[in-house]
Amino acid sequence: MTAKILIVDDESGIRESLGALLRDEGYETESAASGEECLKITERRRFDLILLDVWLTKMDGLKTLERLQAREDAPVTVMISGHGNIETAVRATKLGAFDFIEKPLSLDKVILAVRNALEYLRLEMENRRLRAALEEQREILGNSVPMKALRQQIALTAPTDGRVLIYGESGTGKELVARTLHASSSRNGKPFVEVNCAAIPEELIESELFGHRKGSFTGASEDKAGKFHKADGGTLFLDEVGDMSLKTQSKVLRVLEEQRLEPLGSNQPVTVDVRVIAATNKKLEEEIARNTFREDLFYRLNVIPFYVPALRERTEDIPTLAEHFLAEFVERYGKKPKEFSAPAMNVLLAYPWPGNVRELRNLVERLVIMCPSAKIEPHHLPPEVFRGASKSPQKPYESLHEARSAYEREFVLRKLEENQWNMTKTAAVLGLERSHLYRKMRSLGIAPSRI
C-alpha cells in the first residue's frame, strides 16, 4: 500500500519541491500551508507520515505537533527547521517527533528520514498486531458458570504472589490460565518460563531447572542458567508437576522454601525471586497415598487451587469456542469466511471431547484447511465425532423424527464399524444398494471420509 505523506510548510516552493521528490519515490503526498490547515486535513484523512516545519505563522510547528500527539492515533512526524538548534530539537523529540532535519534540505537526508520513519511505523504496527494476537490467544473464552468463576478467581489471584496449583485434564487450557495469571500480575514485564516436567528426561530435569556449571557432568561444555534463574523476577510454570521424580521434588521444595538454588557442579547459592504456578492432570492426593508425590511439596504448591473444567462439563461454550477458532484459522490461512450449520453444531455439542479444547481447536483447523464449502455441514465432520456422539448421554428428543434419525445414525455407524467401513459389505448387511447407503449416510450427517 502506498504511504501517504502530508507536507506542512508556509513556503510554497518547499511544499512543491518536497512533493515532487516524494512522488518520484512512489509516495502519495498532500500539502498544507499552516498548522491550522494541517489539523483540519488530518481530522478528515489519515496520513502515515507528516513532514512539519517548526516556524509557521500563527500556530507554530511545535504547537501543531503537540496538538497532533494529543490524538489517540497520532501520526509519525518528522520536524523541519531553518533555524535548528539543540533546544528546539530536544523539545520536538519530547513532544513525540520521530526525527528532526534542518534547512536547507538535503534531498538524500529527506529520503533517508522518510524511509526510517515509515519503517518505524511498519514495525510499530506489526508489534501492535502481534500484541493483539497474543492478547487474543490469552483470552479465556466461555460464558458458562465454571468459566465465569475461573475468570473471577484469576482476577482475584493474579495481583498477588500466591502460588497456584491448576488442576484439569489434558487439553483444557491449564497453560492459558497460567499465562493469563502472569499477564495480569505485576510481574508481567518479566519472563514467563514454562517447564514441561513430563517431557524432560529424568537425568536432565535438574540441569533444566537449576542450571549447571561447565564440566559438572559429561556433555556440560559450558555454563547454563536453569529455568528458575531465567524466570527471576517473573513466573515459572511447572506443567505436569505430578510427573516429577521424588528426588527432583525434594530440590524444588528447598528452592521454594529458601528462594535460593545451587546449579549442578557449584556450591555457590543463587538467589531468585520467582512466582511458581504448577499444573497437573493427576489427583495429587492419590499420588501422595502411593508415595509418588511429596506431601510437603503439595502443600507448598497448593496455596490457591484452580480447576479448569473439561469441555464436556461446559458444552454451552462449544459454539463460542468453535466460532472463535473458525475465525482465527480462516484469517491465518487466508480462506473465505466459513460457518457451521445448525446440524453440524448439534453434532459438536453431542460429542464428549476427550481431548477437550485442544481437540476442538485441531478439528476446526482441519475443517478450515480441508472443507471446500462456506458452510460446514455434518457430512464434513470426521466419523469419530459421530461415533463419540453416539456413545454420549442423549438429550431428550423433541420429535419422533429426531429420535428415529438418532437411532438410524447410531445403527448405521455401528454396522460401518463392524465391517471396518467397507461400503459394499455394510450395504449388504443393511439390505441396501451401495448408492443408497451413500445417500443414507449423507442424510444422517455421516461423513464418508474413510471411504
Protein backbone atom coordinates (compact mmCIF):
# COMPACT_ATOMS: atom_id res chain seq x y z
CA MET A 1 0.00 0.00 0.00
CA THR A 2 1.36 3.42 -0.96
CA ALA A 3 2.40 5.54 2.03
CA LYS A 4 0.54 8.85 2.41
CA ILE A 5 2.64 11.86 3.45
CA LEU A 6 1.45 15.34 4.46
CA ILE A 7 3.91 18.22 3.89
CA VAL A 8 3.30 21.22 6.17
CA ASP A 9 5.33 24.36 5.33
CA ASP A 10 4.43 28.01 4.78
CA GLU A 11 6.82 28.26 1.81
CA SER A 12 5.08 27.10 -1.37
CA GLY A 13 8.42 26.37 -3.08
CA ILE A 14 9.39 23.87 -0.39
CA ARG A 15 5.96 22.23 -0.48
CA GLU A 16 6.20 21.80 -4.24
CA SER A 17 9.80 20.56 -4.33
CA LEU A 18 9.28 18.08 -1.47
CA GLY A 19 6.04 16.88 -3.03
CA ALA A 20 7.73 16.27 -6.40
CA LEU A 21 10.66 14.46 -4.74
CA LEU A 22 8.45 12.15 -2.67
CA ARG A 23 6.08 11.39 -5.54
CA ASP A 24 9.12 10.37 -7.62
CA GLU A 25 9.95 7.96 -4.77
CA GLY A 26 6.50 6.41 -5.08
CA TYR A 27 4.72 8.12 -2.19
CA GLU A 28 1.33 9.84 -2.23
CA THR A 29 1.53 13.43 -0.99
CA GLU A 30 -0.67 16.29 0.12
CA SER A 31 0.31 19.69 1.47
CA ALA A 32 -0.79 22.32 3.97
CA ALA A 33 0.45 25.89 4.42
CA SER A 34 -0.22 26.25 8.17
CA GLY A 35 -0.63 24.39 11.42
CA GLU A 36 -4.34 25.11 11.46
CA GLU A 37 -4.77 23.67 7.96
CA CYS A 38 -2.73 20.63 8.97
CA LEU A 39 -5.04 19.90 11.91
CA LYS A 40 -8.15 20.24 9.73
CA ILE A 41 -6.81 17.95 7.00
CA THR A 42 -5.71 15.26 9.49
CA GLU A 43 -9.18 15.24 11.04
CA ARG A 44 -10.63 14.18 7.69
CA ARG A 45 -7.88 11.92 6.43
CA ARG A 46 -5.24 9.70 7.97
CA PHE A 47 -1.58 10.06 6.95
CA ASP A 48 1.30 7.67 7.53
CA LEU A 49 3.82 10.49 7.96
CA ILE A 50 3.84 14.27 8.40
CA LEU A 51 6.76 16.50 7.44
CA LEU A 52 6.16 19.53 9.68
CA ASP A 53 8.00 22.85 9.60
CA VAL A 54 8.82 24.34 13.01
CA TRP A 55 8.49 28.01 12.02
CA LEU A 56 4.93 28.53 10.89
CA THR A 57 2.82 31.69 11.16
CA LYS A 58 0.15 31.86 13.89
CA MET A 59 0.29 28.30 15.27
CA ASP A 60 3.93 27.17 15.07
CA GLY A 61 5.09 23.64 14.30
CA LEU A 62 5.77 22.66 17.92
CA LYS A 63 2.27 23.66 18.99
CA THR A 64 0.84 21.81 16.00
CA LEU A 65 2.92 18.75 16.93
CA GLU A 66 1.62 18.90 20.49
CA ARG A 67 -2.00 19.01 19.24
CA LEU A 68 -1.34 16.08 16.87
CA GLN A 69 0.28 13.95 19.57
CA ALA A 70 -2.69 14.51 21.87
CA ARG A 71 -4.84 12.48 19.46
CA GLU A 72 -5.41 8.81 20.09
CA ASP A 73 -3.87 7.65 16.80
CA ALA A 74 -1.07 10.21 16.43
CA PRO A 75 0.81 10.13 13.09
CA VAL A 76 4.59 9.73 12.82
CA THR A 77 6.05 13.22 12.47
CA VAL A 78 9.42 14.48 11.19
CA MET A 79 10.18 18.11 12.05
CA ILE A 80 11.84 20.54 9.60
CA SER A 81 13.54 23.76 10.68
CA GLY A 82 15.53 26.54 9.01
CA HIS A 83 16.80 27.76 12.39
CA GLY A 84 17.58 24.47 14.05
CA ASN A 85 19.15 24.35 17.47
CA ILE A 86 19.60 21.65 20.09
CA GLU A 87 16.95 23.09 22.39
CA THR A 88 14.28 23.04 19.67
CA ALA A 89 15.26 19.51 18.59
CA VAL A 90 15.10 18.24 22.18
CA ARG A 91 11.71 19.84 22.75
CA ALA A 92 10.35 18.39 19.50
CA THR A 93 11.58 14.93 20.48
CA LYS A 94 9.98 15.20 23.92
CA LEU A 95 6.70 16.17 22.25
CA GLY A 96 6.84 12.99 20.18
CA ALA A 97 8.65 13.87 16.93
CA PHE A 98 10.40 10.91 15.31
CA ASP A 99 13.22 12.92 13.70
CA PHE A 100 14.46 16.49 13.15
CA ILE A 101 16.06 17.73 9.89
CA GLU A 102 17.42 21.19 9.07
CA LYS A 103 17.07 23.53 6.12
CA PRO A 104 18.49 23.88 3.56
CA LEU A 105 17.16 20.42 2.96
CA SER A 106 19.45 17.73 1.63
CA LEU A 107 17.37 15.51 -0.65
CA ASP A 108 19.28 12.42 0.46
CA LYS A 109 18.65 13.24 4.13
CA VAL A 110 14.96 13.82 3.48
CA ILE A 111 14.56 10.48 1.72
CA LEU A 112 16.51 8.68 4.46
CA ALA A 113 14.43 10.32 7.21
CA VAL A 114 11.20 9.41 5.42
CA ARG A 115 12.26 5.79 4.92
CA ASN A 116 13.35 5.44 8.56
CA ALA A 117 10.10 6.96 9.81
CA LEU A 118 7.95 4.69 7.64
CA GLU A 119 9.97 1.64 8.68
CA TYR A 120 9.42 2.64 12.32
CA LEU A 121 5.68 2.90 11.58
CA ARG A 122 5.67 -0.53 9.95
CA LEU A 123 7.42 -2.12 12.93
CA GLU A 124 5.10 -0.36 15.37
CA MET A 125 2.02 -1.62 13.53
CA GLU A 126 3.48 -5.15 13.41
CA ASN A 127 4.14 -5.01 17.15
CA ARG A 128 0.57 -3.90 17.77
CA ARG A 129 -0.74 -6.74 15.64
CA LEU A 130 1.41 -9.29 17.45
CA ARG A 131 0.42 -7.91 20.86
CA ALA A 132 -3.24 -8.07 19.85
CA ALA A 133 -2.76 -11.65 18.65
CA LEU A 134 -1.10 -12.59 21.93
CA GLU A 135 -3.87 -10.95 23.92
CA GLU A 136 -6.43 -12.84 21.86
CA GLN A 137 -4.60 -16.11 22.48
CA ARG A 138 -4.60 -15.33 26.21
CA GLU A 139 -8.34 -14.68 26.22
CA ILE A 140 -10.22 -17.26 28.24
CA LEU A 141 -13.43 -17.79 26.29
CA GLY A 142 -16.77 -19.06 27.52
CA ASN A 143 -19.79 -17.74 29.40
CA SER A 144 -20.60 -20.92 31.28
CA VAL A 145 -20.79 -20.70 35.07
CA PRO A 146 -17.46 -22.53 35.69
CA MET A 147 -15.60 -20.27 33.23
CA LYS A 148 -17.04 -17.10 34.74
CA ALA A 149 -15.94 -18.37 38.14
CA LEU A 150 -12.47 -19.17 36.79
CA ARG A 151 -12.03 -15.66 35.35
CA GLN A 152 -13.14 -14.15 38.65
CA GLN A 153 -10.64 -16.35 40.50
CA ILE A 154 -7.86 -15.22 38.16
CA ALA A 155 -8.76 -11.56 38.71
CA LEU A 156 -8.52 -12.01 42.48
CA THR A 157 -5.32 -14.07 42.45
CA ALA A 158 -3.23 -12.52 39.68
CA PRO A 159 -2.12 -9.36 41.56
CA THR A 160 -0.69 -11.48 44.42
CA ASP A 161 2.39 -13.71 44.62
CA GLY A 162 0.37 -16.65 45.95
CA ARG A 163 1.38 -19.99 44.47
CA VAL A 164 -1.29 -21.57 42.29
CA LEU A 165 -1.87 -25.24 41.51
CA ILE A 166 -4.04 -25.73 38.40
CA TYR A 167 -5.97 -28.98 38.06
CA GLY A 168 -7.53 -30.18 34.83
CA GLU A 169 -7.47 -32.82 32.12
CA SER A 170 -5.03 -32.58 29.22
CA GLY A 171 -6.15 -30.06 26.63
CA THR A 172 -8.38 -27.99 28.91
CA GLY A 173 -6.14 -24.90 28.79
CA LYS A 174 -4.10 -25.01 32.00
CA GLU A 175 -1.17 -23.23 30.33
CA LEU A 176 -3.51 -20.47 29.11
CA VAL A 177 -4.68 -19.93 32.69
CA ALA A 178 -1.05 -19.74 33.89
CA ARG A 179 -0.14 -17.22 31.18
CA THR A 180 -3.21 -15.13 31.98
CA LEU A 181 -2.25 -15.07 35.65
CA HIS A 182 1.24 -13.86 34.70
CA ALA A 183 -0.02 -11.28 32.19
CA SER A 184 -2.43 -9.84 34.77
CA SER A 185 0.19 -9.65 37.53
CA SER A 186 2.77 -7.03 38.50
CA ARG A 187 5.39 -9.42 37.08
CA ASN A 188 4.07 -9.16 33.51
CA GLY A 189 7.14 -7.23 32.34
CA LYS A 190 9.38 -10.09 33.44
CA PRO A 191 9.81 -13.57 31.92
CA PHE A 192 7.18 -16.30 31.86
CA VAL A 193 9.16 -19.56 31.75
CA GLU A 194 7.50 -22.92 31.16
CA VAL A 195 8.83 -26.35 32.11
CA ASN A 196 7.03 -29.49 30.95
CA CYS A 197 8.04 -31.87 33.72
CA ALA A 198 6.72 -34.88 31.78
CA ALA A 199 8.71 -34.14 28.62
CA ILE A 200 12.22 -33.73 30.10
CA PRO A 201 14.25 -36.92 30.76
CA GLU A 202 14.90 -37.62 34.45
CA GLU A 203 18.66 -37.27 34.07
CA LEU A 204 18.29 -33.75 32.58
CA ILE A 205 15.49 -32.17 34.59
CA GLU A 206 17.70 -30.93 37.44
CA SER A 207 20.00 -29.24 34.95
CA GLU A 208 16.96 -27.72 33.22
CA LEU A 209 15.52 -26.40 36.47
CA PHE A 210 18.63 -25.32 38.36
CA GLY A 211 21.28 -24.93 35.66
CA HIS A 212 24.82 -26.31 35.70
CA ARG A 213 28.46 -25.32 35.60
CA LYS A 214 30.85 -26.28 32.84
CA GLY A 215 32.24 -29.79 33.38
CA SER A 216 29.70 -30.75 36.05
CA PHE A 217 28.72 -33.82 34.02
CA THR A 218 29.51 -35.43 30.67
CA GLY A 219 28.37 -33.11 27.92
CA ALA A 220 28.30 -29.96 30.09
CA SER A 221 30.63 -28.00 27.80
CA GLU A 222 29.61 -24.57 29.12
CA ASP A 223 27.73 -22.90 31.97
CA LYS A 224 23.94 -22.97 31.64
CA ALA A 225 21.31 -20.97 33.52
CA GLY A 226 18.36 -23.02 34.75
CA LYS A 227 14.68 -22.25 34.37
CA PHE A 228 14.42 -20.89 37.91
CA HIS A 229 17.21 -18.41 37.16
CA LYS A 230 15.69 -17.44 33.77
CA ALA A 231 12.36 -16.76 35.47
CA ASP A 232 13.93 -14.48 38.11
CA GLY A 233 11.51 -11.62 38.79
CA GLY A 234 8.81 -13.35 36.76
CA THR A 235 6.79 -16.57 36.75
CA LEU A 236 7.87 -20.21 36.48
CA PHE A 237 5.17 -22.58 35.21
CA LEU A 238 5.74 -26.22 36.19
CA ASP A 239 3.43 -28.11 33.83
CA GLU A 240 2.51 -31.71 34.70
CA VAL A 241 4.29 -31.38 38.03
CA GLY A 242 2.88 -34.74 39.08
CA ASP A 243 5.38 -36.45 36.74
CA MET A 244 8.42 -35.02 38.56
CA SER A 245 10.63 -37.56 40.35
CA LEU A 246 10.82 -37.62 44.15
CA LYS A 247 14.49 -36.59 44.03
CA THR A 248 13.71 -33.50 41.94
CA GLN A 249 10.65 -32.74 44.08
CA SER A 250 12.91 -32.54 47.11
CA LYS A 251 15.17 -29.96 45.46
CA VAL A 252 12.24 -27.91 44.16
CA LEU A 253 10.79 -27.86 47.68
CA ARG A 254 14.06 -26.47 49.01
CA VAL A 255 14.12 -23.70 46.39
CA LEU A 256 10.53 -22.76 47.22
CA GLU A 257 11.36 -22.58 50.93
CA GLU A 258 14.63 -20.62 50.61
CA GLN A 259 14.28 -18.84 47.24
CA ARG A 260 17.83 -19.97 46.60
CA LEU A 261 19.35 -22.68 44.43
CA GLU A 262 22.71 -24.20 43.60
CA PRO A 263 23.45 -25.04 39.94
CA LEU A 264 24.84 -28.54 39.36
CA GLY A 265 28.60 -28.52 39.90
CA SER A 266 28.53 -25.38 42.03
CA ASN A 267 28.45 -24.73 45.76
CA GLN A 268 27.64 -21.05 45.32
CA PRO A 269 23.93 -20.38 46.00
CA VAL A 270 21.97 -18.17 43.60
CA THR A 271 19.08 -16.12 44.99
CA VAL A 272 15.95 -15.95 42.86
CA ASP A 273 12.60 -14.17 43.12
CA VAL A 274 10.13 -16.40 41.29
CA ARG A 275 6.38 -16.93 41.48
CA VAL A 276 5.67 -20.60 40.87
CA ILE A 277 2.49 -21.79 39.17
CA ALA A 278 2.09 -25.55 38.78
CA ALA A 279 -0.38 -27.69 36.85
CA THR A 280 -1.33 -31.34 36.81
CA ASN A 281 -3.80 -33.72 35.21
CA LYS A 282 -3.37 -36.14 38.11
CA LYS A 283 -5.04 -36.33 41.51
CA LEU A 284 -2.03 -35.48 43.65
CA GLU A 285 -3.71 -36.70 46.85
CA GLU A 286 -3.77 -40.19 45.28
CA GLU A 287 -0.13 -39.80 44.19
CA ILE A 288 0.76 -38.89 47.80
CA ALA A 289 -1.00 -42.05 49.03
CA ARG A 290 1.09 -44.06 46.53
CA ASN A 291 4.27 -42.33 47.76
CA THR A 292 5.00 -40.88 44.32
CA PHE A 293 4.49 -37.25 45.31
CA ARG A 294 5.76 -35.42 48.38
CA GLU A 295 3.05 -34.23 50.73
CA ASP A 296 5.12 -31.24 51.90
CA LEU A 297 5.67 -30.09 48.28
CA PHE A 298 1.94 -30.49 47.61
CA TYR A 299 1.09 -28.08 50.42
CA ARG A 300 3.73 -25.64 49.20
CA LEU A 301 2.24 -25.60 45.68
CA ASN A 302 -1.44 -25.92 46.55
CA VAL A 303 -1.80 -22.49 48.20
CA ILE A 304 -4.51 -21.43 45.74
CA PRO A 305 -6.07 -24.37 43.84
CA PHE A 306 -7.66 -23.75 40.44
CA TYR A 307 -9.81 -26.19 38.49
CA VAL A 308 -10.15 -25.91 34.72
CA PRO A 309 -13.30 -27.83 33.69
CA ALA A 310 -13.35 -30.36 30.89
CA LEU A 311 -15.14 -29.24 27.74
CA ARG A 312 -17.91 -31.81 28.27
CA GLU A 313 -18.65 -30.03 31.57
CA ARG A 314 -19.31 -26.74 29.78
CA THR A 315 -20.91 -27.72 26.49
CA GLU A 316 -22.66 -24.33 26.23
CA ASP A 317 -19.21 -22.86 25.46
CA ILE A 318 -18.65 -25.10 22.42
CA PRO A 319 -20.31 -22.76 19.86
CA THR A 320 -18.32 -19.77 21.15
CA LEU A 321 -15.03 -21.68 21.00
CA ALA A 322 -15.75 -23.27 17.62
CA GLU A 323 -16.64 -19.93 16.02
CA HIS A 324 -13.59 -18.27 17.58
CA PHE A 325 -11.24 -20.95 16.21
CA LEU A 326 -13.01 -20.81 12.84
CA ALA A 327 -12.38 -17.06 12.52
CA GLU A 328 -8.78 -17.50 13.72
CA PHE A 329 -7.85 -20.14 11.14
CA VAL A 330 -9.78 -18.52 8.30
CA GLU A 331 -7.65 -15.41 8.83
CA ARG A 332 -4.41 -17.35 9.32
CA TYR A 333 -4.77 -19.37 6.12
CA GLY A 334 -6.37 -16.63 4.02
CA LYS A 335 -9.56 -18.63 3.43
CA LYS A 336 -13.03 -17.31 2.67
CA PRO A 337 -15.31 -16.98 5.73
CA LYS A 338 -16.94 -20.21 6.91
CA GLU A 339 -19.67 -21.08 9.35
CA PHE A 340 -21.13 -24.18 10.99
CA SER A 341 -24.62 -25.22 10.03
CA ALA A 342 -27.05 -25.86 12.89
CA PRO A 343 -26.99 -29.67 12.36
CA ALA A 344 -23.17 -29.69 12.35
CA MET A 345 -23.08 -27.67 15.56
CA ASN A 346 -25.53 -30.11 17.13
CA VAL A 347 -23.08 -32.93 16.38
CA LEU A 348 -20.27 -30.98 18.05
CA LEU A 349 -22.49 -30.38 21.08
CA ALA A 350 -23.24 -34.11 21.40
CA TYR A 351 -19.59 -35.20 21.21
CA PRO A 352 -17.84 -35.68 24.63
CA TRP A 353 -14.47 -34.17 23.52
CA PRO A 354 -11.99 -36.43 25.34
CA GLY A 355 -9.18 -34.18 24.08
CA ASN A 356 -11.02 -31.08 25.36
CA VAL A 357 -10.45 -27.60 23.88
CA ARG A 358 -7.22 -28.69 22.17
CA GLU A 359 -9.11 -31.39 20.25
CA LEU A 360 -11.83 -28.92 19.20
CA ARG A 361 -9.21 -26.42 18.02
CA ASN A 362 -7.41 -29.09 15.98
CA LEU A 363 -10.68 -30.24 14.40
CA VAL A 364 -11.63 -26.69 13.39
CA GLU A 365 -8.18 -26.12 11.87
CA ARG A 366 -8.59 -29.31 9.82
CA LEU A 367 -12.03 -28.21 8.62
CA VAL A 368 -10.78 -24.77 7.56
CA ILE A 369 -8.00 -26.38 5.52
CA MET A 370 -9.92 -29.31 4.05
CA CYS A 371 -13.58 -28.25 3.78
CA PRO A 372 -14.28 -26.58 0.40
CA SER A 373 -17.71 -25.21 1.38
CA ALA A 374 -18.53 -21.92 3.06
CA LYS A 375 -20.95 -23.77 5.33
CA ILE A 376 -19.68 -26.76 7.33
CA GLU A 377 -22.30 -29.50 7.30
CA PRO A 378 -22.43 -32.76 9.28
CA HIS A 379 -21.05 -34.78 6.37
CA HIS A 380 -17.84 -32.69 6.53
CA LEU A 381 -17.18 -33.85 10.10
CA PRO A 382 -14.93 -36.89 10.71
CA PRO A 383 -16.52 -40.25 11.62
CA GLU A 384 -15.01 -40.35 15.11
CA VAL A 385 -17.09 -37.31 16.10
CA PHE A 386 -20.28 -39.23 15.26
CA ARG A 387 -19.09 -42.40 16.97
CA GLY A 388 -18.22 -40.45 20.11
CA ALA A 389 -21.51 -38.56 19.98
CA SER A 390 -23.48 -41.80 19.70
CA LYS A 391 -21.88 -43.04 22.95
CA SER A 392 -22.51 -39.83 24.89
CA PRO A 393 -25.61 -39.30 27.05
CA GLN A 394 -28.51 -38.36 24.80
CA LYS A 395 -30.59 -35.25 25.35
CA PRO A 396 -34.40 -35.72 25.24
CA TYR A 397 -35.69 -35.85 21.66
CA GLU A 398 -38.22 -33.26 20.68
CA SER A 399 -39.96 -35.29 17.97
CA LEU A 400 -40.41 -38.82 16.66
CA HIS A 401 -38.46 -37.88 13.54
CA GLU A 402 -35.48 -36.69 15.63
CA ALA A 403 -35.50 -39.87 17.74
CA ARG A 404 -35.75 -42.12 14.65
CA SER A 405 -32.88 -40.27 12.92
CA ALA A 406 -30.70 -40.60 16.01
CA TYR A 407 -31.36 -44.35 16.21
CA GLU A 408 -30.71 -44.80 12.48
CA ARG A 409 -27.45 -42.86 12.72
CA GLU A 410 -26.21 -44.97 15.62
CA PHE A 411 -27.28 -48.21 13.90
CA VAL A 412 -25.59 -47.36 10.60
CA LEU A 413 -22.40 -46.22 12.38
CA ARG A 414 -22.28 -49.48 14.34
CA LYS A 415 -22.63 -51.55 11.15
CA LEU A 416 -19.94 -49.46 9.43
CA GLU A 417 -17.63 -50.11 12.40
CA GLU A 418 -18.38 -53.84 12.39
CA ASN A 419 -17.44 -54.01 8.70
CA GLN A 420 -14.35 -51.75 9.00
CA TRP A 421 -16.11 -49.10 6.90
CA ASN A 422 -16.26 -51.39 3.89
CA MET A 423 -19.18 -49.87 1.97
CA THR A 424 -20.05 -52.96 -0.08
CA LYS A 425 -20.22 -55.26 2.97
CA THR A 426 -22.12 -52.70 5.06
CA ALA A 427 -24.67 -52.12 2.29
CA ALA A 428 -25.24 -55.90 2.01
CA VAL A 429 -25.72 -56.26 5.80
CA LEU A 430 -28.23 -53.40 5.80
CA GLY A 431 -30.03 -54.74 2.74
CA LEU A 432 -29.33 -51.59 0.71
CA GLU A 433 -27.82 -50.76 -2.62
CA ARG A 434 -24.33 -49.23 -2.26
CA SER A 435 -25.52 -45.93 -3.77
CA HIS A 436 -28.49 -45.93 -1.40
CA LEU A 437 -26.11 -46.34 1.56
CA TYR A 438 -24.17 -43.25 0.43
CA ARG A 439 -27.40 -41.25 0.28
CA LYS A 440 -28.49 -42.55 3.67
CA MET A 441 -25.15 -41.56 5.23
CA ARG A 442 -25.40 -38.08 3.79
CA SER A 443 -28.94 -37.66 5.09
CA LEU A 444 -27.82 -38.80 8.55
CA GLY A 445 -24.79 -36.49 8.52
CA ILE A 446 -22.21 -39.31 8.49
CA ALA A 447 -19.00 -38.28 6.75
CA PRO A 448 -17.74 -40.77 4.16
CA SER A 449 -14.13 -39.71 4.88
CA ARG A 450 -12.99 -43.27 5.44
CA ILE A 451 -14.14 -44.37 2.00
